[in-house]
Amino acid sequence: MSYFSKILKYIWPHVKRHQALFFGILVFFVVRILVDYIIIPIFFKQFIDIISSSGTDRTLLVEQVFYLVFIIIGLHLLVVATARTRGFLYIDFLVKVTKDLRNFTFQQIEKNSYTFFSNTFAGSLVTKSRRFVNAFENMFDVFIFNFVQVAVILVGVFIVLINESLLISGILFNLVFIYVVTVAFLVRKKFKYDLLEAEQDSRISGRLADVFSNISAVKFFSARNNEIKSFGAYTEEGALRSRRAANWGNIIDVTQSAFSFIIGSVLLYVLAKLWLANQISTGTVVLVESYMTIILVRLWDLSNSLVRFMKSAGDMKEMVETFELRPDIMDPTNPAKLKITRGHIVFKGVFFKYGQGEEVLSDFNIEVKPGERIGIVGHSGAGKSTITKLLLRLNDVSEGSITIDGQNIRSVTQDDLRSVISYVPQEPILFHRPIRENISYGKVSATPDEITEVAQKAHAHEFISKLPKGYDTLVGERGVKLSGGERQRVAIARAMLKNAPILVLDEATSSLDSISETYIQDAFNELMKGKTTIVIAHRLSTIQKMDRIIVLDQGKIVEEGTHQELLTKQGFYAELWEHQTGGFLE
């Protein structure tokens, strides 16, 4: 399938939804073009023929002249009326379709799996989605005001000129045909350079987003000069690709100028010969020259717009390629409804590895009983966080199964699965929105009192109430305006508010100081009541009171038991405990 077929596949459904406006635009625009560029010049031809004739009665001449003048004035009024009506319809259509496309683009990007977003620059996605919508506006603009306009003008002109002179119409048709074919060939040659330019532009945007998202690291490591040099290499490549595309644009301009000169010169010579031979009237000379000027101007505009059209197609291509991607994690065709009665979690014979790497989990088996609170510990890379990602279906197991109350999590939708799990990650996920909205993200219908209550339990209310705008304070991108501990407490409050039957804490207290950790431990204990809880921990002091502690090493369970039982065994867990510094695993 060609690029344009793929683009049309995603655009047409949104255009079709507003087809009444679309066809209204076409009708009014075609009427305006026919009247303005085809019909009015015909009346001017008659006007010239009348005033240039020597044998016409003076009284009759005046009547004919004013008759034509009034007709031409009326036609100009019709042009203005149709143009303004088309303008209103065009704006209404464009606003509605671009809104639909923005929503569609967001939905198509968002449906991708966790792995996709891990491997893709957020800045690049933002650039592609913005360019996709802008490119549609450009392409539709070119389609209506250039493609349709030129097609209507050419058809109208050739119909009129065939009746005036077969010779003139034949010459004009052949010259215009060669012009269009040549320019179309050159535009296609330029298109591949437009694609390369758009591709590099996305890389530049992604690089910018990467640097600005990690600006603290740039500052801390005094890496400003290195980043400037690295970014300069990206922009240098971008300039090279832009220059190549622009050079082809100049070649197209030179070609158009040459054809305009040739067509104008040939037609002027033929018109002069025919007029001198009394085979055409003065009005016909004026008519053909008017048509020739209109065609050449519109073809020049079309050629330049065709370059813009192809560049916009290149911009859209990147986003269409994203639309064509199949998410790594798919919902089943006929999903079952997840029914949580107990919160019984079972990992059975689970194998998993990231990409083509080594196995992270190998024949992994674990049972978390209803309402049980388990802690999972181990060195970095042992597979702790992988367990939570598999449970949340951010990744799928290579082999084996994960069930909740006997239901395979792959048999239900991802939204259904995640709706029964409250998750607090090690790195808090906050939006650049008010604190109130960040807390209520897990329960959008929450009342202000409910939000305040969970904030108090998470010991977030104290710092929130001291902020100038309190719960309406914007937290900055990724919560940058808050400290690490404050961000974590907001995330904990959000999980408390969601109040799902399964609770997953992925090192959720890692950013809290010892005093804050002590404060919220009671709240955690209250939150865990009646819930199946999995706690991933580096700080072993946070899991001492768990019903069971599972110790991982290289993706396998090497020990399990209560805190005291594991210390008594003097095994791997006891060794981890002894090697802590300040409560953290080294």
Protein backbone atom coordinates (compact mmCIF):
# COMPACT_ATOMS: atom_id res chain seq x y z
CA MET A 1 0.00 0.00 0.00
CA SER A 2 1.42 3.42 -0.99
CA TYR A 3 2.08 6.20 1.50
CA PHE A 4 -0.91 8.15 0.26
CA SER A 5 -3.23 5.16 0.50
CA LYS A 6 -2.16 4.64 4.11
CA ILE A 7 -2.58 8.32 4.90
CA LEU A 8 -6.03 8.36 3.30
CA LYS A 9 -6.99 5.25 5.28
CA TYR A 10 -6.59 7.15 8.53
CA ILE A 11 -7.85 10.55 7.37
CA TRP A 12 -10.92 9.69 5.28
CA PRO A 13 -13.11 8.34 8.14
CA HIS A 14 -12.81 11.71 9.90
CA VAL A 15 -13.50 13.66 6.70
CA LYS A 16 -16.46 11.39 5.91
CA ARG A 17 -17.94 12.12 9.34
CA HIS A 18 -18.35 15.72 8.16
CA GLN A 19 -19.05 14.97 4.50
CA ALA A 20 -21.94 17.46 4.24
CA LEU A 21 -19.54 20.29 5.03
CA PHE A 22 -16.91 18.77 2.74
CA PHE A 23 -19.19 18.59 -0.29
CA GLY A 24 -20.64 22.02 0.53
CA ILE A 25 -17.11 23.44 0.37
CA LEU A 26 -16.51 21.72 -2.99
CA VAL A 27 -19.78 22.94 -4.53
CA PHE A 28 -19.36 26.59 -3.52
CA PHE A 29 -15.69 26.57 -4.46
CA VAL A 30 -16.28 25.03 -7.90
CA VAL A 31 -19.05 27.55 -8.62
CA ARG A 32 -16.76 30.39 -7.59
CA ILE A 33 -13.90 29.10 -9.80
CA LEU A 34 -16.13 28.60 -12.85
CA VAL A 35 -17.65 32.05 -12.54
CA ASP A 36 -14.46 33.94 -11.68
CA TYR A 37 -11.97 32.25 -14.02
CA ILE A 38 -14.06 30.81 -16.87
CA ILE A 39 -17.37 32.67 -17.30
CA ILE A 40 -16.37 36.28 -16.53
CA PRO A 41 -13.50 36.22 -19.10
CA ILE A 42 -16.02 35.07 -21.74
CA PHE A 43 -18.14 38.17 -21.11
CA PHE A 44 -15.03 40.34 -21.23
CA LYS A 45 -14.25 38.78 -24.63
CA GLN A 46 -17.71 39.79 -25.85
CA PHE A 47 -17.16 43.25 -24.37
CA ILE A 48 -13.88 43.66 -26.30
CA ASP A 49 -15.41 42.35 -29.53
CA ILE A 50 -18.33 44.80 -29.25
CA ILE A 51 -16.28 47.92 -28.56
CA SER A 52 -13.73 47.00 -31.24
CA SER A 53 -16.33 46.49 -33.97
CA SER A 54 -16.65 49.48 -36.30
CA GLY A 55 -20.00 48.84 -37.90
CA THR A 56 -22.22 48.64 -34.80
CA ASP A 57 -24.97 51.25 -34.26
CA ARG A 58 -24.00 53.65 -31.44
CA THR A 59 -27.29 53.24 -29.53
CA LEU A 60 -27.18 49.46 -29.82
CA LEU A 61 -23.52 49.52 -28.79
CA VAL A 62 -24.32 51.40 -25.59
CA GLU A 63 -27.12 48.96 -24.74
CA GLN A 64 -24.88 45.94 -25.32
CA VAL A 65 -22.00 47.42 -23.33
CA PHE A 66 -24.11 48.25 -20.29
CA TYR A 67 -25.86 44.88 -20.54
CA LEU A 68 -22.47 43.17 -20.31
CA VAL A 69 -21.30 45.52 -17.55
CA PHE A 70 -24.29 44.67 -15.35
CA ILE A 71 -23.83 40.95 -16.01
CA ILE A 72 -20.14 41.14 -15.08
CA ILE A 73 -20.94 43.11 -11.91
CA GLY A 74 -23.59 40.53 -10.97
CA LEU A 75 -21.14 37.70 -11.55
CA HIS A 76 -18.54 39.42 -9.35
CA LEU A 77 -21.13 39.67 -6.58
CA LEU A 78 -21.83 35.95 -7.01
CA VAL A 79 -18.08 35.27 -6.71
CA VAL A 80 -17.91 37.23 -3.45
CA ALA A 81 -21.00 35.49 -2.02
CA THR A 82 -19.81 31.97 -2.87
CA ALA A 83 -16.28 32.71 -1.62
CA ARG A 84 -17.54 33.98 1.76
CA THR A 85 -19.95 31.04 2.14
CA ARG A 86 -17.19 28.60 1.28
CA GLY A 87 -14.95 30.34 3.82
CA PHE A 88 -17.41 29.83 6.67
CA LEU A 89 -17.94 26.18 5.72
CA TYR A 90 -14.18 25.65 5.38
CA ILE A 91 -13.41 26.98 8.86
CA ASP A 92 -16.19 24.90 10.44
CA PHE A 93 -15.03 21.77 8.63
CA LEU A 94 -11.35 22.24 9.45
CA VAL A 95 -11.99 22.89 13.15
CA LYS A 96 -14.13 19.76 13.49
CA VAL A 97 -11.83 17.43 11.56
CA THR A 98 -8.62 18.61 13.26
CA LYS A 99 -10.30 18.12 16.63
CA ASP A 100 -11.21 14.55 15.63
CA LEU A 101 -7.69 13.91 14.34
CA ARG A 102 -6.10 15.17 17.57
CA ASN A 103 -8.32 12.88 19.61
CA PHE A 104 -7.68 9.97 17.25
CA THR A 105 -3.91 10.53 17.33
CA PHE A 106 -3.91 10.61 21.12
CA GLN A 107 -5.92 7.37 21.29
CA GLN A 108 -3.70 5.62 18.73
CA ILE A 109 -0.50 6.56 20.54
CA GLU A 110 -1.87 5.81 24.00
CA LYS A 111 -2.95 2.27 23.04
CA ASN A 112 0.69 1.24 22.57
CA SER A 113 2.35 -0.92 25.18
CA TYR A 114 4.71 0.06 27.98
CA THR A 115 7.67 -1.20 25.93
CA PHE A 116 6.86 1.19 23.08
CA PHE A 117 6.96 4.21 25.38
CA SER A 118 10.13 2.94 27.03
CA ASN A 119 11.85 2.88 23.63
CA THR A 120 10.41 6.11 22.19
CA PHE A 121 11.23 9.72 23.03
CA ALA A 122 8.18 11.53 24.39
CA GLY A 123 9.34 14.72 22.66
CA SER A 124 9.49 12.91 19.33
CA LEU A 125 5.93 11.63 19.76
CA VAL A 126 4.66 15.12 20.60
CA THR A 127 6.37 16.51 17.49
CA LYS A 128 5.00 13.76 15.24
CA SER A 129 1.44 14.12 16.54
CA ARG A 130 1.54 17.92 16.16
CA ARG A 131 2.96 17.66 12.65
CA PHE A 132 0.36 15.04 11.69
CA VAL A 133 -2.53 17.41 12.38
CA ASN A 134 -0.76 20.42 10.87
CA ALA A 135 0.11 18.36 7.80
CA PHE A 136 -3.55 17.46 7.31
CA GLU A 137 -4.45 21.15 7.31
CA ASN A 138 -1.74 21.83 4.71
CA MET A 139 -2.71 18.88 2.52
CA PHE A 140 -6.42 19.70 2.60
CA ASP A 141 -5.62 23.33 1.83
CA VAL A 142 -3.56 22.26 -1.21
CA PHE A 143 -6.22 19.78 -2.32
CA ILE A 144 -9.03 22.35 -2.31
CA PHE A 145 -7.25 25.53 -3.35
CA ASN A 146 -4.79 23.99 -5.81
CA PHE A 147 -5.70 20.51 -7.05
CA VAL A 148 -9.44 21.12 -7.35
CA GLN A 149 -8.93 24.67 -8.59
CA VAL A 150 -6.48 23.72 -11.34
CA ALA A 151 -8.59 20.73 -12.42
CA VAL A 152 -11.73 22.88 -12.75
CA ILE A 153 -9.86 25.66 -14.56
CA LEU A 154 -8.17 23.30 -17.06
CA VAL A 155 -11.40 21.47 -17.89
CA GLY A 156 -13.33 24.73 -18.23
CA VAL A 157 -10.66 26.43 -20.34
CA PHE A 158 -10.29 23.53 -22.77
CA ILE A 159 -14.06 23.25 -23.24
CA VAL A 160 -14.27 26.97 -24.07
CA LEU A 161 -11.16 27.06 -26.29
CA ILE A 162 -12.19 24.01 -28.32
CA ASN A 163 -15.15 26.09 -29.51
CA GLU A 164 -12.87 29.06 -30.23
CA SER A 165 -9.91 27.33 -31.92
CA LEU A 166 -8.88 23.68 -32.08
CA LEU A 167 -5.31 24.72 -32.87
CA ILE A 168 -4.95 26.93 -29.79
CA SER A 169 -6.61 24.42 -27.47
CA GLY A 170 -4.42 21.61 -28.83
CA ILE A 171 -1.19 23.57 -28.37
CA LEU A 172 -2.13 24.71 -24.88
CA PHE A 173 -3.24 21.21 -23.82
CA ASN A 174 -0.01 19.54 -24.96
CA LEU A 175 2.27 22.17 -23.43
CA VAL A 176 0.41 22.09 -20.11
CA PHE A 177 0.47 18.28 -20.11
CA ILE A 178 4.27 18.24 -20.55
CA TYR A 179 4.60 20.92 -17.87
CA VAL A 180 2.53 18.97 -15.32
CA VAL A 181 4.25 15.61 -16.00
CA THR A 182 7.74 17.13 -15.72
CA VAL A 183 7.03 19.00 -12.49
CA ALA A 184 5.27 15.97 -10.97
CA PHE A 185 8.38 13.87 -11.74
CA LEU A 186 10.65 16.42 -10.03
CA VAL A 187 8.36 16.68 -7.00
CA ARG A 188 8.48 12.91 -6.56
CA LYS A 189 12.28 13.09 -6.65
CA LYS A 190 12.17 15.77 -3.96
CA PHE A 191 9.79 13.74 -1.79
CA LYS A 192 12.44 11.30 -0.54
CA TYR A 193 14.50 14.24 0.72
CA ASP A 194 11.41 15.65 2.45
CA LEU A 195 11.04 12.31 4.25
CA LEU A 196 14.67 12.40 5.38
CA GLU A 197 14.26 15.99 6.56
CA ALA A 198 11.14 15.12 8.59
CA GLU A 199 12.90 12.11 10.09
CA GLN A 200 15.84 14.21 11.28
CA ASP A 201 13.50 16.89 12.62
CA SER A 202 11.90 14.25 14.85
CA ARG A 203 15.35 13.18 16.05
CA ILE A 204 16.20 16.78 16.91
CA SER A 205 12.95 17.18 18.86
CA GLY A 206 13.59 13.93 20.70
CA ARG A 207 17.12 15.03 21.57
CA LEU A 208 15.84 18.34 22.92
CA ALA A 209 13.22 16.61 25.05
CA ASP A 210 15.83 14.17 26.37
CA VAL A 211 18.20 16.97 27.42
CA PHE A 212 15.54 19.20 28.96
CA SER A 213 13.96 16.27 30.82
CA ASN A 214 17.34 15.50 32.37
CA ILE A 215 18.63 19.05 32.73
CA SER A 216 19.64 18.44 36.35
CA ALA A 217 22.16 15.81 35.20
CA VAL A 218 23.51 18.24 32.60
CA LYS A 219 24.03 20.85 35.32
CA PHE A 220 25.46 18.47 37.91
CA PHE A 221 28.03 17.00 35.51
CA SER A 222 28.90 20.34 33.86
CA ALA A 223 28.00 18.69 30.56
CA ARG A 224 26.70 21.84 28.88
CA ASN A 225 29.47 22.01 26.27
CA ASN A 226 29.19 18.30 25.48
CA GLU A 227 25.44 18.60 24.98
CA ILE A 228 25.85 21.70 22.82
CA LYS A 229 28.39 19.86 20.65
CA SER A 230 26.19 16.76 20.43
CA PHE A 231 23.09 18.81 19.59
CA GLY A 232 25.11 20.70 16.99
CA ALA A 233 25.82 17.41 15.21
CA TYR A 234 22.07 16.72 15.06
CA THR A 235 21.28 20.18 13.68
CA GLU A 236 24.16 19.95 11.19
CA GLU A 237 22.66 16.77 9.76
CA GLY A 238 19.27 18.46 9.77
CA ALA A 239 20.66 21.44 7.85
CA LEU A 240 22.27 19.10 5.29
CA ARG A 241 19.00 17.30 4.67
CA SER A 242 17.06 20.59 4.51
CA ARG A 243 19.56 21.95 1.99
CA ARG A 244 19.15 18.92 -0.27
CA ALA A 245 15.37 19.24 -0.17
CA ALA A 246 15.59 23.00 -0.82
CA ASN A 247 17.92 22.47 -3.81
CA TRP A 248 15.35 20.23 -5.45
CA GLY A 249 12.79 22.94 -4.74
CA ASN A 250 14.98 25.42 -6.64
CA ILE A 251 15.25 23.01 -9.57
CA ILE A 252 11.46 22.83 -9.67
CA ASP A 253 11.22 26.65 -9.63
CA VAL A 254 13.66 26.98 -12.55
CA THR A 255 11.72 24.35 -14.51
CA GLN A 256 8.45 26.18 -13.92
CA SER A 257 9.97 29.48 -15.05
CA ALA A 258 11.22 27.86 -18.25
CA PHE A 259 7.85 26.30 -19.05
CA SER A 260 6.00 29.54 -18.30
CA PHE A 261 8.26 31.38 -20.76
CA ILE A 262 7.86 28.70 -23.45
CA ILE A 263 4.08 28.43 -23.13
CA GLY A 264 3.61 32.20 -23.06
CA SER A 265 5.89 32.77 -26.07
CA VAL A 266 4.41 29.99 -28.21
CA LEU A 267 0.82 31.03 -27.55
CA LEU A 268 1.55 34.70 -28.16
CA TYR A 269 3.16 33.86 -31.51
CA VAL A 270 0.24 31.63 -32.57
CA LEU A 271 -2.33 34.22 -31.48
CA ALA A 272 -0.56 36.95 -33.44
CA LYS A 273 -0.47 34.77 -36.60
CA LEU A 274 -4.16 33.85 -36.32
CA TRP A 275 -5.26 37.43 -35.61
CA LEU A 276 -3.29 38.82 -38.53
CA ALA A 277 -4.94 36.18 -40.72
CA ASN A 278 -8.37 37.31 -39.40
CA GLN A 279 -9.02 33.79 -38.09
CA ILE A 280 -9.72 35.00 -34.54
CA SER A 281 -11.12 38.20 -33.08
CA THR A 282 -9.45 40.69 -30.77
CA GLY A 283 -11.71 39.43 -27.99
CA THR A 284 -10.46 35.89 -28.55
CA VAL A 285 -6.85 37.08 -28.26
CA VAL A 286 -7.69 38.74 -24.94
CA LEU A 287 -9.62 35.65 -23.80
CA VAL A 288 -6.78 33.23 -24.59
CA GLU A 289 -4.18 35.51 -23.00
CA SER A 290 -6.38 35.79 -19.89
CA TYR A 291 -6.81 32.03 -19.73
CA MET A 292 -3.09 31.47 -20.33
CA THR A 293 -2.19 33.87 -17.50
CA ILE A 294 -4.68 32.20 -15.17
CA ILE A 295 -3.39 28.71 -16.02
CA LEU A 296 0.29 29.63 -15.66
CA VAL A 297 -0.25 31.39 -12.34
CA ARG A 298 -2.32 28.52 -10.98
CA LEU A 299 0.13 25.89 -12.25
CA TRP A 300 2.98 27.78 -10.60
CA ASP A 301 0.99 27.88 -7.37
CA LEU A 302 0.14 24.19 -7.80
CA SER A 303 3.78 23.22 -8.29
CA ASN A 304 4.88 25.10 -5.19
CA SER A 305 1.91 23.73 -3.28
CA LEU A 306 2.68 20.24 -4.54
CA VAL A 307 6.08 20.54 -2.87
CA ARG A 308 4.29 21.57 0.34
CA PHE A 309 1.82 18.71 -0.17
CA MET A 310 4.60 16.13 -0.47
CA LYS A 311 6.46 17.57 2.52
CA SER A 312 3.25 17.33 4.55
CA ALA A 313 2.86 13.74 3.37
CA GLY A 314 6.36 13.09 4.69
CA ASP A 315 5.39 14.62 8.03
CA MET A 316 2.29 12.42 8.18
CA LYS A 317 4.19 9.28 7.20
CA GLU A 318 6.04 9.11 10.53
CA MET A 319 2.80 9.25 12.51
CA VAL A 320 1.09 6.76 10.19
CA GLU A 321 3.95 4.33 10.80
CA THR A 322 3.19 4.64 14.52
CA PHE A 323 -0.50 3.98 13.82
CA GLU A 324 0.48 0.83 11.95
CA LEU A 325 2.37 -0.60 14.91
CA ARG A 326 0.76 -3.51 16.70
CA PRO A 327 0.94 -3.15 20.50
CA ASP A 328 3.09 -5.76 22.25
CA ILE A 329 0.35 -6.28 24.82
CA MET A 330 -3.08 -6.96 23.32
CA ASP A 331 -6.46 -7.39 24.93
CA PRO A 332 -8.23 -10.67 24.08
CA THR A 333 -10.84 -10.60 21.31
CA ASN A 334 -13.58 -11.75 23.67
CA PRO A 335 -12.39 -10.71 27.14
CA ALA A 336 -13.86 -12.18 30.27
CA LYS A 337 -14.98 -9.95 33.14
CA LEU A 338 -12.46 -10.01 35.98
CA LYS A 339 -14.21 -10.93 39.21
CA ILE A 340 -12.23 -10.34 42.39
CA THR A 341 -13.65 -12.19 45.36
CA ARG A 342 -10.52 -12.96 47.37
CA GLY A 343 -7.43 -11.50 45.69
CA HIS A 344 -5.62 -14.82 45.34
CA ILE A 345 -2.54 -14.35 43.10
CA VAL A 346 -0.60 -17.25 41.55
CA PHE A 347 2.52 -17.12 39.35
CA LYS A 348 2.89 -20.59 37.83
CA GLY A 349 5.90 -21.70 35.76
CA VAL A 350 6.64 -18.14 34.67
CA PHE A 351 9.53 -17.45 32.29
CA PHE A 352 10.40 -13.94 31.17
CA LYS A 353 13.22 -12.02 29.51
CA TYR A 354 13.54 -8.51 28.07
CA GLY A 355 13.93 -8.74 24.31
CA GLN A 356 16.74 -11.11 23.36
CA GLY A 357 18.48 -10.81 26.73
CA GLU A 358 18.95 -13.41 29.42
CA GLU A 359 16.05 -14.86 31.38
CA VAL A 360 15.05 -12.54 34.23
CA LEU A 361 12.58 -15.05 35.67
CA SER A 362 12.98 -18.76 35.05
CA ASP A 363 10.29 -21.27 36.05
CA PHE A 364 9.12 -18.78 38.66
CA ASN A 365 6.37 -19.96 41.01
CA ILE A 366 4.74 -18.00 43.80
CA GLU A 367 1.36 -18.00 45.51
CA VAL A 368 0.04 -14.96 47.36
CA LYS A 369 -2.92 -15.97 49.48
CA PRO A 370 -6.01 -13.76 49.81
CA GLY A 371 -5.29 -10.86 52.16
CA GLU A 372 -1.67 -11.91 52.59
CA ARG A 373 1.03 -9.28 52.84
CA ILE A 374 4.31 -10.32 51.27
CA GLY A 375 7.61 -8.51 50.87
CA ILE A 376 10.02 -9.20 48.02
CA VAL A 377 13.71 -8.38 48.42
CA GLY A 378 16.93 -8.99 46.55
CA HIS A 379 19.84 -7.22 44.94
CA SER A 380 19.25 -4.94 41.92
CA GLY A 381 18.54 -7.04 38.84
CA ALA A 382 17.14 -9.93 40.85
CA GLY A 383 13.72 -9.56 39.15
CA LYS A 384 11.73 -7.78 41.87
CA SER A 385 10.21 -4.99 39.76
CA THR A 386 9.74 -7.40 36.85
CA ILE A 387 7.19 -9.25 38.98
CA THR A 388 5.08 -6.10 39.35
CA LYS A 389 5.32 -5.32 35.62
CA LEU A 390 4.11 -8.82 34.77
CA LEU A 391 1.28 -8.62 37.29
CA LEU A 392 0.17 -5.28 35.80
CA ARG A 393 0.67 -6.67 32.26
CA LEU A 394 3.11 -3.94 31.32
CA ASN A 395 4.96 -6.96 29.93
CA ASP A 396 3.66 -10.43 29.10
CA VAL A 397 5.19 -13.67 30.34
CA SER A 398 7.17 -15.72 27.81
CA GLU A 399 5.81 -18.94 29.30
CA GLY A 400 3.60 -19.88 32.22
CA SER A 401 0.62 -18.03 33.65
CA ILE A 402 -0.44 -15.46 36.22
CA THR A 403 -3.90 -15.81 37.71
CA ILE A 404 -6.02 -13.77 40.11
CA ASP A 405 -8.77 -15.77 41.80
CA GLY A 406 -8.23 -18.48 39.19
CA GLN A 407 -8.60 -16.12 36.22
CA ASN A 408 -5.69 -15.78 33.81
CA ILE A 409 -4.85 -12.08 33.59
CA ARG A 410 -4.38 -12.45 29.81
CA SER A 411 -8.06 -13.39 29.46
CA VAL A 412 -9.27 -9.96 30.66
CA THR A 413 -8.69 -6.43 29.40
CA GLN A 414 -5.72 -4.47 30.66
CA ASP A 415 -8.01 -1.74 31.99
CA ASP A 416 -10.08 -4.30 33.88
CA LEU A 417 -6.95 -5.84 35.40
CA ARG A 418 -5.38 -2.55 36.45
CA SER A 419 -8.62 -1.27 37.93
CA VAL A 420 -8.26 -3.80 40.78
CA ILE A 421 -4.64 -2.94 41.58
CA SER A 422 -3.36 0.12 43.45
CA TYR A 423 0.23 0.70 42.41
CA VAL A 424 2.87 3.00 43.91
CA PRO A 425 6.14 2.92 41.92
CA GLN A 426 9.61 3.81 43.09
CA GLU A 427 9.60 6.92 40.89
CA PRO A 428 6.33 8.79 41.54
CA ILE A 429 4.28 9.45 38.42
CA LEU A 430 2.85 12.97 38.65
CA PHE A 431 1.31 15.21 36.01
CA HIS A 432 1.86 18.95 35.67
CA ARG A 433 -1.56 19.51 37.17
CA PRO A 434 -2.92 20.58 40.57
CA ILE A 435 -2.07 18.31 43.52
CA ARG A 436 -5.79 17.69 43.97
CA GLU A 437 -6.06 16.25 40.46
CA ASN A 438 -2.94 14.13 40.93
CA ILE A 439 -4.34 12.55 44.09
CA SER A 440 -7.79 11.95 42.59
CA TYR A 441 -6.35 10.39 39.43
CA GLY A 442 -7.25 6.93 40.69
CA LYS A 443 -10.79 8.02 41.56
CA VAL A 444 -11.91 11.00 39.51
CA SER A 445 -15.23 11.22 41.37
CA ALA A 446 -13.53 11.75 44.74
CA THR A 447 -14.84 14.56 46.92
CA PRO A 448 -12.55 17.24 48.43
CA ASP A 449 -13.04 15.64 51.85
CA GLU A 450 -11.93 12.23 50.56
CA ILE A 451 -8.84 13.78 48.98
CA THR A 452 -7.94 15.58 52.19
CA GLU A 453 -8.50 12.42 54.25
CA VAL A 454 -6.07 10.28 52.25
CA ALA A 455 -3.56 13.14 52.10
CA GLN A 456 -3.62 13.27 55.89
CA LYS A 457 -3.10 9.51 56.15
CA ALA A 458 -0.14 9.73 53.76
CA HIS A 459 1.24 12.70 55.72
CA ALA A 460 0.99 14.85 52.58
CA HIS A 461 -1.59 17.27 53.99
CA GLU A 462 1.02 18.98 56.16
CA PHE A 463 3.18 20.23 53.28
CA ILE A 464 0.24 20.74 50.90
CA SER A 465 -1.54 23.09 53.32
CA LYS A 466 1.60 25.25 53.52
CA LEU A 467 1.73 25.81 49.76
CA PRO A 468 0.35 29.19 48.51
CA LYS A 469 -2.45 27.52 46.54
CA GLY A 470 -2.76 24.40 48.68
CA TYR A 471 -4.34 21.51 46.80
CA ASP A 472 -4.63 23.66 43.67
CA THR A 473 -0.84 24.04 43.37
CA LEU A 474 0.63 22.92 40.05
CA VAL A 475 3.41 20.42 40.72
CA GLY A 476 5.50 21.05 37.58
CA GLU A 477 6.56 18.54 34.94
CA ARG A 478 6.81 15.12 36.63
CA GLY A 479 6.28 16.88 39.97
CA VAL A 480 9.59 18.74 39.77
CA LYS A 481 8.32 21.49 42.12
CA LEU A 482 8.01 18.97 44.95
CA SER A 483 10.76 17.15 46.80
CA GLY A 484 11.23 13.41 46.29
CA GLY A 485 9.52 12.61 49.57
CA GLU A 486 6.62 14.97 48.83
CA ARG A 487 6.07 13.41 45.41
CA GLN A 488 6.07 9.95 46.95
CA ARG A 489 3.52 10.92 49.59
CA VAL A 490 1.20 12.32 46.90
CA ALA A 491 1.53 9.01 45.01
CA ILE A 492 0.79 7.06 48.18
CA ALA A 493 -2.30 9.20 48.85
CA ARG A 494 -3.49 8.44 45.32
CA ALA A 495 -3.16 4.69 45.89
CA MET A 496 -5.03 5.00 49.18
CA LEU A 497 -7.87 6.84 47.44
CA LYS A 498 -8.16 4.20 44.71
CA ASN A 499 -8.64 1.58 47.45
CA ALA A 500 -8.28 -1.41 45.10
CA PRO A 501 -8.37 -4.98 46.51
CA ILE A 502 -4.75 -5.62 45.47
CA LEU A 503 -1.97 -3.29 46.57
CA VAL A 504 1.49 -3.16 45.01
CA LEU A 505 4.18 -0.97 46.57
CA ASP A 506 7.32 -0.93 44.44
CA GLU A 507 9.84 0.56 46.88
CA ALA A 508 7.17 3.13 47.68
CA THR A 509 8.93 4.50 50.75
CA SER A 510 12.35 4.82 49.15
CA SER A 511 12.11 8.62 48.88
CA LEU A 512 10.83 9.17 52.42
CA ASP A 513 12.96 10.17 55.35
CA SER A 514 12.84 7.99 58.45
CA ILE A 515 10.38 10.27 60.27
CA SER A 516 7.94 10.36 57.33
CA GLU A 517 8.26 6.59 56.92
CA THR A 518 7.33 6.08 60.55
CA TYR A 519 4.31 8.38 60.16
CA ILE A 520 2.84 6.55 57.19
CA GLN A 521 3.58 3.02 58.36
CA ASP A 522 0.38 3.01 60.42
CA ALA A 523 -1.55 4.29 57.42
CA PHE A 524 -0.06 1.50 55.31
CA ASN A 525 -1.09 -1.08 57.87
CA GLU A 526 -4.63 0.29 57.78
CA LEU A 527 -4.60 0.36 53.99
CA MET A 528 -3.39 -3.24 53.77
CA LYS A 529 -6.21 -4.67 55.87
CA GLY A 530 -8.29 -7.08 53.81
CA LYS A 531 -6.07 -6.55 50.76
CA THR A 532 -3.59 -8.78 49.04
CA THR A 533 -0.36 -6.80 49.25
CA ILE A 534 2.98 -7.09 47.48
CA VAL A 535 5.78 -4.83 48.71
CA ILE A 536 9.04 -4.54 46.76
CA ALA A 537 11.70 -3.16 49.09
CA HIS A 538 15.30 -2.07 49.26
CA ARG A 539 14.80 -0.70 52.74
CA LEU A 540 14.31 -3.96 54.66
CA SER A 541 12.94 -2.17 57.71
CA THR A 542 9.72 -1.51 55.75
CA ILE A 543 8.88 -5.22 55.41
CA GLN A 544 9.74 -6.60 58.84
CA LYS A 545 6.06 -7.01 59.70
CA MET A 546 5.05 -8.69 56.45
CA ASP A 547 3.30 -12.06 56.71
CA ARG A 548 5.96 -13.50 54.44
CA ILE A 549 9.19 -12.29 52.89
CA ILE A 550 10.43 -13.72 49.59
CA VAL A 551 14.11 -13.42 48.78
CA LEU A 552 15.09 -13.36 45.09
CA ASP A 553 18.45 -13.93 43.49
CA GLN A 554 18.93 -14.09 39.72
CA GLY A 555 15.21 -14.53 39.09
CA LYS A 556 14.72 -17.42 41.51
CA ILE A 557 13.32 -17.70 45.02
CA VAL A 558 16.19 -18.62 47.32
CA GLU A 559 14.43 -18.11 50.67
CA GLU A 560 11.05 -17.28 52.13
CA GLY A 561 9.56 -16.85 55.57
CA THR A 562 8.93 -14.16 58.17
CA HIS A 563 11.58 -11.62 59.06
CA GLN A 564 12.53 -13.46 62.22
CA GLU A 565 12.52 -16.89 60.56
CA LEU A 566 14.85 -15.68 57.83
CA LEU A 567 17.25 -14.10 60.30
CA THR A 568 17.32 -17.35 62.25
CA LYS A 569 18.26 -19.29 59.11
CA GLN A 570 21.43 -17.20 58.81
CA GLY A 571 21.13 -17.41 55.03
CA PHE A 572 20.92 -14.97 52.13
CA TYR A 573 18.38 -12.66 53.81
CA ALA A 574 20.42 -12.46 56.99
CA GLU A 575 23.41 -11.51 54.89
CA LEU A 576 21.42 -8.74 53.21
CA TRP A 577 20.25 -7.50 56.60
CA GLU A 578 23.79 -7.35 57.94
CA HIS A 579 25.08 -5.45 54.92
CA GLN A 580 22.52 -2.65 55.06
CA THR A 581 23.64 0.94 55.50
CA GLY A 582 21.02 3.25 56.94
CA GLY A 583 18.30 0.72 56.28
CA PHE A 584 19.04 0.25 52.54
CA LEU A 585 20.56 -2.62 50.64
CA GLU A 586 24.02 -1.81 49.43
